PDB file of N, CA and C in Angstrom:
ATOM      1  N   ALA A   1      23.226 -14.990  -4.758  1.00  0.00           N
ATOM      2  CA  ALA A   1      22.104 -15.122  -5.674  1.00  0.00           C
ATOM      3  C   ALA A   1      21.121 -13.985  -5.420  1.00  0.00           C
ATOM      4  N   ARG A   2      20.463 -13.600  -6.447  1.00  0.00           N
ATOM      5  CA  ARG A   2      19.465 -12.540  -6.343  1.00  0.00           C
ATOM      6  C   ARG A   2      18.082 -13.179  -6.248  1.00  0.00           C
ATOM      7  N   VAL A   3      17.250 -12.665  -5.366  1.00  0.00           N
ATOM      8  CA  VAL A   3      15.901 -13.184  -5.211  1.00  0.00           C
ATOM      9  C   VAL A   3      14.896 -12.053  -5.267  1.00  0.00           C
ATOM     10  N   SER A   4      13.672 -12.401  -5.550  1.00  0.00           N
ATOM     11  CA  SER A   4      12.598 -11.424  -5.607  1.00  0.00           C
ATOM     12  C   SER A   4      11.790 -11.504  -4.318  1.00  0.00           C
ATOM     13  N   GLY A   5      11.243 -10.380  -3.883  1.00  0.00           N
ATOM     14  CA  GLY A   5      10.487 -10.354  -2.649  1.00  0.00           C
ATOM     15  C   GLY A   5       8.996 -10.415  -2.846  1.00  0.00           C
ATOM     16  N   THR A   6       8.538 -10.755  -4.034  1.00  0.00           N
ATOM     17  CA  THR A   6       7.104 -10.690  -4.306  1.00  0.00           C
ATOM     18  C   THR A   6       6.289 -11.684  -3.492  1.00  0.00           C
ATOM     19  N   SER A   7       6.840 -12.832  -3.174  1.00  0.00           N
ATOM     20  CA  SER A   7       6.051 -13.821  -2.442  1.00  0.00           C
ATOM     21  C   SER A   7       5.773 -13.368  -1.013  1.00  0.00           C
ATOM     22  N   PHE A   8       6.616 -12.544  -0.450  1.00  0.00           N
ATOM     23  CA  PHE A   8       6.401 -12.045   0.900  1.00  0.00           C
ATOM     24  C   PHE A   8       5.731 -10.675   0.902  1.00  0.00           C
ATOM     25  N   SER A   9       5.855  -9.937  -0.189  1.00  0.00           N
ATOM     26  CA  SER A   9       5.254  -8.601  -0.228  1.00  0.00           C
ATOM     27  C   SER A   9       3.732  -8.663  -0.259  1.00  0.00           C
ATOM     28  N   CYS A  10       3.187  -9.701  -0.847  1.00  0.00           N
ATOM     29  CA  CYS A  10       1.727  -9.825  -0.920  1.00  0.00           C
ATOM     30  C   CYS A  10       1.099  -9.957   0.473  1.00  0.00           C
ATOM     31  N   PRO A  11       1.563 -10.856   1.337  1.00  0.00           N
ATOM     32  CA  PRO A  11       0.957 -10.922   2.671  1.00  0.00           C
ATOM     33  C   PRO A  11       1.213  -9.666   3.507  1.00  0.00           C
ATOM     34  N   LEU A  12       2.358  -9.028   3.320  1.00  0.00           N
ATOM     35  CA  LEU A  12       2.614  -7.786   4.044  1.00  0.00           C
ATOM     36  C   LEU A  12       1.644  -6.687   3.603  1.00  0.00           C
ATOM     37  N   THR A  13       1.424  -6.585   2.315  1.00  0.00           N
ATOM     38  CA  THR A  13       0.492  -5.579   1.794  1.00  0.00           C
ATOM     39  C   THR A  13      -0.937  -5.891   2.235  1.00  0.00           C
ATOM     40  N   ALA A  14      -1.298  -7.166   2.266  1.00  0.00           N
ATOM     41  CA  ALA A  14      -2.627  -7.553   2.747  1.00  0.00           C
ATOM     42  C   ALA A  14      -2.797  -7.143   4.211  1.00  0.00           C
ATOM     43  N   GLY A  15      -1.742  -7.256   4.991  1.00  0.00           N
ATOM     44  CA  GLY A  15      -1.789  -6.823   6.381  1.00  0.00           C
ATOM     45  C   GLY A  15      -1.983  -5.319   6.494  1.00  0.00           C
ATOM     46  N   VAL A  16      -1.337  -4.566   5.620  1.00  0.00           N
ATOM     47  CA  VAL A  16      -1.514  -3.113   5.615  1.00  0.00           C
ATOM     48  C   VAL A  16      -2.949  -2.762   5.249  1.00  0.00           C
ATOM     49  N   VAL A  17      -3.513  -3.474   4.284  1.00  0.00           N
ATOM     50  CA  VAL A  17      -4.906  -3.230   3.900  1.00  0.00           C
ATOM     51  C   VAL A  17      -5.844  -3.554   5.064  1.00  0.00           C
ATOM     52  N   ALA A  18      -5.581  -4.632   5.779  1.00  0.00           N
ATOM     53  CA  ALA A  18      -6.406  -4.978   6.940  1.00  0.00           C
ATOM     54  C   ALA A  18      -6.304  -3.889   8.012  1.00  0.00           C
ATOM     55  N   LEU A  19      -5.100  -3.394   8.254  1.00  0.00           N
ATOM     56  CA  LEU A  19      -4.897  -2.318   9.216  1.00  0.00           C
ATOM     57  C   LEU A  19      -5.646  -1.060   8.782  1.00  0.00           C
ATOM     58  N   LEU A  20      -5.570  -0.753   7.499  1.00  0.00           N
ATOM     59  CA  LEU A  20      -6.254   0.423   6.959  1.00  0.00           C
ATOM     60  C   LEU A  20      -7.767   0.302   7.114  1.00  0.00           C
ATOM     61  N   LEU A  21      -8.299  -0.885   6.873  1.00  0.00           N
ATOM     62  CA  LEU A  21      -9.739  -1.094   7.022  1.00  0.00           C
ATOM     63  C   LEU A  21     -10.176  -1.077   8.486  1.00  0.00           C
ATOM     64  N   GLN A  22      -9.301  -1.485   9.383  1.00  0.00           N
ATOM     65  CA  GLN A  22      -9.615  -1.387  10.817  1.00  0.00           C
ATOM     66  C   GLN A  22      -9.676   0.079  11.242  1.00  0.00           C
ATOM     67  N   ALA A  23      -8.745   0.874  10.710  1.00  0.00           N
ATOM     68  CA  ALA A  23      -8.699   2.292  11.063  1.00  0.00           C
ATOM     69  C   ALA A  23      -9.812   3.088  10.394  1.00  0.00           C
ATOM     70  N   HIS A  24     -10.225   2.663   9.191  1.00  0.00           N
ATOM     71  CA  HIS A  24     -11.236   3.377   8.401  1.00  0.00           C
ATOM     72  C   HIS A  24     -12.245   2.374   7.835  1.00  0.00           C
ATOM     73  N   PRO A  25     -13.124   1.847   8.666  1.00  0.00           N
ATOM     74  CA  PRO A  25     -14.028   0.777   8.219  1.00  0.00           C
ATOM     75  C   PRO A  25     -14.988   1.191   7.103  1.00  0.00           C
ATOM     76  N   GLY A  26     -15.195   2.461   6.896  1.00  0.00           N
ATOM     77  CA  GLY A  26     -16.108   2.908   5.851  1.00  0.00           C
ATOM     78  C   GLY A  26     -15.461   3.091   4.493  1.00  0.00           C
ATOM     79  N   TYR A  27     -14.152   2.865   4.399  1.00  0.00           N
ATOM     80  CA  TYR A  27     -13.460   3.042   3.119  1.00  0.00           C
ATOM     81  C   TYR A  27     -13.965   2.055   2.072  1.00  0.00           C
ATOM     82  N   THR A  28     -14.080   2.535   0.867  1.00  0.00           N
ATOM     83  CA  THR A  28     -14.409   1.673  -0.265  1.00  0.00           C
ATOM     84  C   THR A  28     -13.117   1.044  -0.784  1.00  0.00           C
ATOM     85  N   VAL A  29     -13.264   0.108  -1.687  1.00  0.00           N
ATOM     86  CA  VAL A  29     -12.090  -0.520  -2.309  1.00  0.00           C
ATOM     87  C   VAL A  29     -11.225   0.536  -2.985  1.00  0.00           C
ATOM     88  N   ASP A  30     -11.845   1.461  -3.689  1.00  0.00           N
ATOM     89  CA  ASP A  30     -11.089   2.508  -4.386  1.00  0.00           C
ATOM     90  C   ASP A  30     -10.349   3.416  -3.409  1.00  0.00           C
ATOM     91  N   GLN A  31     -10.951   3.700  -2.260  1.00  0.00           N
ATOM     92  CA  GLN A  31     -10.289   4.540  -1.260  1.00  0.00           C
ATOM     93  C   GLN A  31      -9.095   3.824  -0.633  1.00  0.00           C
ATOM     94  N   VAL A  32      -9.231   2.535  -0.389  1.00  0.00           N
ATOM     95  CA  VAL A  32      -8.115   1.753   0.147  1.00  0.00           C
ATOM     96  C   VAL A  32      -6.973   1.735  -0.863  1.00  0.00           C
ATOM     97  N   LEU A  33      -7.295   1.460  -2.100  1.00  0.00           N
ATOM     98  CA  LEU A  33      -6.283   1.425  -3.152  1.00  0.00           C
ATOM     99  C   LEU A  33      -5.573   2.768  -3.272  1.00  0.00           C
ATOM    100  N   ALA A  34      -6.329   3.850  -3.248  1.00  0.00           N
ATOM    101  CA  ALA A  34      -5.739   5.185  -3.360  1.00  0.00           C
ATOM    102  C   ALA A  34      -4.832   5.496  -2.167  1.00  0.00           C
ATOM    103  N   ALA A  35      -5.262   5.119  -0.965  1.00  0.00           N
ATOM    104  CA  ALA A  35      -4.456   5.382   0.230  1.00  0.00           C
ATOM    105  C   ALA A  35      -3.138   4.615   0.186  1.00  0.00           C
ATOM    106  N   VAL A  36      -3.185   3.358  -0.221  1.00  0.00           N
ATOM    107  CA  VAL A  36      -1.967   2.544  -0.287  1.00  0.00           C
ATOM    108  C   VAL A  36      -1.038   3.066  -1.380  1.00  0.00           C
ATOM    109  N   ARG A  37      -1.584   3.333  -2.541  1.00  0.00           N
ATOM    110  CA  ARG A  37      -0.755   3.797  -3.660  1.00  0.00           C
ATOM    111  C   ARG A  37      -0.160   5.177  -3.415  1.00  0.00           C
ATOM    112  N   SER A  38      -0.970   6.094  -2.907  1.00  0.00           N
ATOM    113  CA  SER A  38      -0.507   7.477  -2.773  1.00  0.00           C
ATOM    114  C   SER A  38       0.566   7.652  -1.713  1.00  0.00           C
ATOM    115  N   THR A  39       0.707   6.690  -0.811  1.00  0.00           N
ATOM    116  CA  THR A  39       1.705   6.794   0.249  1.00  0.00           C
ATOM    117  C   THR A  39       2.872   5.830   0.065  1.00  0.00           C
ATOM    118  N   ALA A  40       2.890   5.085  -1.030  1.00  0.00           N
ATOM    119  CA  ALA A  40       3.978   4.149  -1.299  1.00  0.00           C
ATOM    120  C   ALA A  40       5.242   4.913  -1.719  1.00  0.00           C
ATOM    121  N   SER A  41       6.373   4.252  -1.650  1.00  0.00           N
ATOM    122  CA  SER A  41       7.660   4.910  -1.873  1.00  0.00           C
ATOM    123  C   SER A  41       7.857   5.429  -3.293  1.00  0.00           C
ATOM    124  N   GLN A  42       7.157   4.898  -4.256  1.00  0.00           N
ATOM    125  CA  GLN A  42       7.296   5.370  -5.635  1.00  0.00           C
ATOM    126  C   GLN A  42       5.980   5.926  -6.159  1.00  0.00           C
ATOM    127  N   ALA A  43       5.213   6.532  -5.284  1.00  0.00           N
ATOM    128  CA  ALA A  43       3.898   7.040  -5.666  1.00  0.00           C
ATOM    129  C   ALA A  43       3.976   8.041  -6.807  1.00  0.00           C
ATOM    130  N   GLY A  44       5.032   8.825  -6.836  1.00  0.00           N
ATOM    131  CA  GLY A  44       5.162   9.846  -7.867  1.00  0.00           C
ATOM    132  C   GLY A  44       5.566   9.325  -9.224  1.00  0.00           C
ATOM    133  N   SER A  45       6.180   8.147  -9.250  1.00  0.00           N
ATOM    134  CA  SER A  45       6.641   7.599 -10.529  1.00  0.00           C
ATOM    135  C   SER A  45       6.714   6.075 -10.492  1.00  0.00           C
ATOM    136  N   PRO A  46       5.564   5.396 -10.466  1.00  0.00           N
ATOM    137  CA  PRO A  46       5.589   3.928 -10.478  1.00  0.00           C
ATOM    138  C   PRO A  46       6.244   3.415 -11.751  1.00  0.00           C
ATOM    139  N   ASP A  47       6.890   2.263 -11.653  1.00  0.00           N
ATOM    140  CA  ASP A  47       7.556   1.694 -12.823  1.00  0.00           C
ATOM    141  C   ASP A  47       7.285   0.191 -12.910  1.00  0.00           C
ATOM    142  N   ASN A  48       7.882  -0.438 -13.901  1.00  0.00           N
ATOM    143  CA  ASN A  48       7.658  -1.868 -14.118  1.00  0.00           C
ATOM    144  C   ASN A  48       8.512  -2.759 -13.225  1.00  0.00           C
ATOM    145  N   LEU A  49       9.507  -2.190 -12.554  1.00  0.00           N
ATOM    146  CA  LEU A  49      10.356  -2.993 -11.685  1.00  0.00           C
ATOM    147  C   LEU A  49       9.788  -3.085 -10.268  1.00  0.00           C
ATOM    148  N   LEU A  50       9.445  -1.943  -9.676  1.00  0.00           N
ATOM    149  CA  LEU A  50       8.936  -1.923  -8.304  1.00  0.00           C
ATOM    150  C   LEU A  50       7.484  -1.490  -8.203  1.00  0.00           C
ATOM    151  N   GLY A  51       6.863  -1.199  -9.310  1.00  0.00           N
ATOM    152  CA  GLY A  51       5.471  -0.758  -9.286  1.00  0.00           C
ATOM    153  C   GLY A  51       5.329   0.535  -8.516  1.00  0.00           C
ATOM    154  N   TRP A  52       4.407   0.547  -7.558  1.00  0.00           N
ATOM    155  CA  TRP A  52       4.181   1.735  -6.734  1.00  0.00           C
ATOM    156  C   TRP A  52       5.205   1.840  -5.614  1.00  0.00           C
ATOM    157  N   GLY A  53       6.006   0.816  -5.427  1.00  0.00           N
ATOM    158  CA  GLY A  53       7.063   0.848  -4.425  1.00  0.00           C
ATOM    159  C   GLY A  53       6.676   0.143  -3.139  1.00  0.00           C
ATOM    160  N   ILE A  54       7.356   0.505  -2.082  1.00  0.00           N
ATOM    161  CA  ILE A  54       7.161  -0.107  -0.770  1.00  0.00           C
ATOM    162  C   ILE A  54       6.026   0.617  -0.054  1.00  0.00           C
ATOM    163  N   VAL A  55       5.074  -0.152   0.453  1.00  0.00           N
ATOM    164  CA  VAL A  55       3.934   0.460   1.136  1.00  0.00           C
ATOM    165  C   VAL A  55       4.387   1.036   2.480  1.00  0.00           C
ATOM    166  N   ASP A  56       3.684   2.074   2.919  1.00  0.00           N
ATOM    167  CA  ASP A  56       3.964   2.725   4.189  1.00  0.00           C
ATOM    168  C   ASP A  56       2.677   2.687   5.005  1.00  0.00           C
ATOM    169  N   ALA A  57       2.563   1.706   5.895  1.00  0.00           N
ATOM    170  CA  ALA A  57       1.315   1.494   6.642  1.00  0.00           C
ATOM    171  C   ALA A  57       0.917   2.721   7.451  1.00  0.00           C
ATOM    172  N   ALA A  58       1.849   3.296   8.170  1.00  0.00           N
ATOM    173  CA  ALA A  58       1.530   4.441   9.021  1.00  0.00           C
ATOM    174  C   ALA A  58       1.053   5.625   8.193  1.00  0.00           C
ATOM    175  N   ALA A  59       1.699   5.872   7.064  1.00  0.00           N
ATOM    176  CA  ALA A  59       1.301   6.982   6.201  1.00  0.00           C
ATOM    177  C   ALA A  59      -0.061   6.725   5.580  1.00  0.00           C
ATOM    178  N   ALA A  60      -0.334   5.486   5.195  1.00  0.00           N
ATOM    179  CA  ALA A  60      -1.626   5.156   4.585  1.00  0.00           C
ATOM    180  C   ALA A  60      -2.770   5.366   5.572  1.00  0.00           C
ATOM    181  N   VAL A  61      -2.569   4.976   6.825  1.00  0.00           N
ATOM    182  CA  VAL A  61      -3.607   5.145   7.845  1.00  0.00           C
ATOM    183  C   VAL A  61      -3.787   6.620   8.182  1.00  0.00           C
ATOM    184  N   ALA A  62      -2.704   7.376   8.220  1.00  0.00           N
ATOM    185  CA  ALA A  62      -2.763   8.788   8.597  1.00  0.00           C
ATOM    186  C   ALA A  62      -3.206   9.711   7.457  1.00  0.00           C
ATOM    187  N   ALA A  63      -3.140   9.216   6.233  1.00  0.00           N
ATOM    188  CA  ALA A  63      -3.477  10.049   5.075  1.00  0.00           C
ATOM    189  C   ALA A  63      -4.946  10.461   5.124  1.00  0.00           C
ATOM    190  N   PRO A  64      -5.241  11.671   4.647  1.00  0.00           N
ATOM    191  CA  PRO A  64      -6.645  12.085   4.583  1.00  0.00           C
ATOM    192  C   PRO A  64      -7.414  11.192   3.607  1.00  0.00           C
ATOM    193  N   ALA A  65      -8.705  11.092   3.809  1.00  0.00           N
ATOM    194  CA  ALA A  65      -9.523  10.240   2.944  1.00  0.00           C
ATOM    195  C   ALA A  65      -9.361  10.656   1.491  1.00  0.00           C
ATOM    196  N   PRO A  66      -9.059   9.675   0.651  1.00  0.00           N
ATOM    197  CA  PRO A  66      -8.891   9.974  -0.781  1.00  0.00           C
ATOM    198  C   PRO A  66     -10.207  10.299  -1.456  1.00  0.00           C
TER     199      PRO A  66
END
């Protein structure tokens, strides 16, 4: 059977956002969103199936301030 991972992806992404805010406490909501989106696996071409893709926590934290 095929299943969707959306129910587990939300808490994982929330954890990445928490990690990002710990590393950069001065980030605004827009900066957090930009950091997560710009480092996701489909950042160059988001689509309706996977959206922006799989988040990359290490890349989001290491990315320069958006």
